[in-house]
Amino acid sequence: VTKPLIEIAKAVIQTEADSILML
């Protein structure tokens, strides 16, 4: 049940990491 939340959190972290790498 908590898997969806974890997946969303991972997606957000990945997007943030990508934005930081782009900088």
N, C-alpha and C. Protein backbone atom coordinates (compact mmCIF):
# COMPACT_ATOMS: atom_id res chain seq x y z
N VAL A 1 0.85 -1.21 0.00
CA VAL A 1 0.00 0.00 0.00
C VAL A 1 0.87 1.24 0.00
N THR A 2 2.01 1.16 0.70
CA THR A 2 2.89 2.33 0.78
C THR A 2 3.78 2.43 -0.45
N LYS A 3 3.76 1.39 -1.27
CA LYS A 3 4.64 1.39 -2.46
C LYS A 3 4.36 2.60 -3.35
N PRO A 4 3.11 2.92 -3.66
CA PRO A 4 2.82 4.08 -4.52
C PRO A 4 3.46 5.35 -3.99
N LEU A 5 3.37 5.57 -2.68
CA LEU A 5 3.95 6.78 -2.08
C LEU A 5 5.46 6.76 -2.26
N ILE A 6 6.06 5.60 -2.08
CA ILE A 6 7.52 5.49 -2.23
C ILE A 6 7.91 5.78 -3.67
N GLU A 7 7.12 5.23 -4.60
CA GLU A 7 7.43 5.44 -6.03
C GLU A 7 7.33 6.93 -6.36
N ILE A 8 6.30 7.58 -5.83
CA ILE A 8 6.13 9.02 -6.09
C ILE A 8 7.32 9.78 -5.51
N ALA A 9 7.70 9.43 -4.29
CA ALA A 9 8.83 10.11 -3.64
C ALA A 9 10.09 9.92 -4.48
N LYS A 10 10.29 8.70 -4.96
CA LYS A 10 11.49 8.43 -5.78
C LYS A 10 11.45 9.27 -7.05
N ALA A 11 10.28 9.38 -7.66
CA ALA A 11 10.15 10.16 -8.89
C ALA A 11 10.49 11.62 -8.61
N VAL A 12 10.00 12.14 -7.50
CA VAL A 12 10.28 13.55 -7.15
C VAL A 12 11.77 13.74 -6.92
N ILE A 13 12.38 12.80 -6.19
CA ILE A 13 13.82 12.90 -5.90
C ILE A 13 14.61 12.85 -7.21
N GLN A 14 14.19 11.97 -8.11
CA GLN A 14 14.90 11.84 -9.39
C GLN A 14 14.79 13.13 -10.19
N THR A 15 13.60 13.73 -10.20
CA THR A 15 13.42 14.97 -10.96
C THR A 15 14.26 16.08 -10.35
N GLU A 16 14.30 16.13 -9.03
CA GLU A 16 15.11 17.16 -8.35
C GLU A 16 16.58 16.93 -8.65
N ALA A 17 17.02 15.68 -8.60
CA ALA A 17 18.43 15.37 -8.88
C ALA A 17 18.76 15.76 -10.32
N ASP A 18 17.85 15.46 -11.24
CA ASP A 18 18.09 15.81 -12.65
C ASP A 18 18.21 17.32 -12.80
N SER A 19 17.33 18.07 -12.13
CA SER A 19 17.37 19.53 -12.24
C SER A 19 18.69 20.06 -11.69
N ILE A 20 19.16 19.47 -10.59
CA ILE A 20 20.42 19.90 -9.98
C ILE A 20 21.58 19.58 -10.93
N LEU A 21 21.54 18.40 -11.54
CA LEU A 21 22.61 18.02 -12.46
C LEU A 21 22.62 18.96 -13.65
N MET A 22 21.43 19.37 -14.10
CA MET A 22 21.34 20.28 -15.24
C MET A 22 21.98 21.62 -14.90
N LEU A 23 21.88 22.03 -13.63
CA LEU A 23 22.48 23.30 -13.23
C LEU A 23 24.00 23.17 -13.31
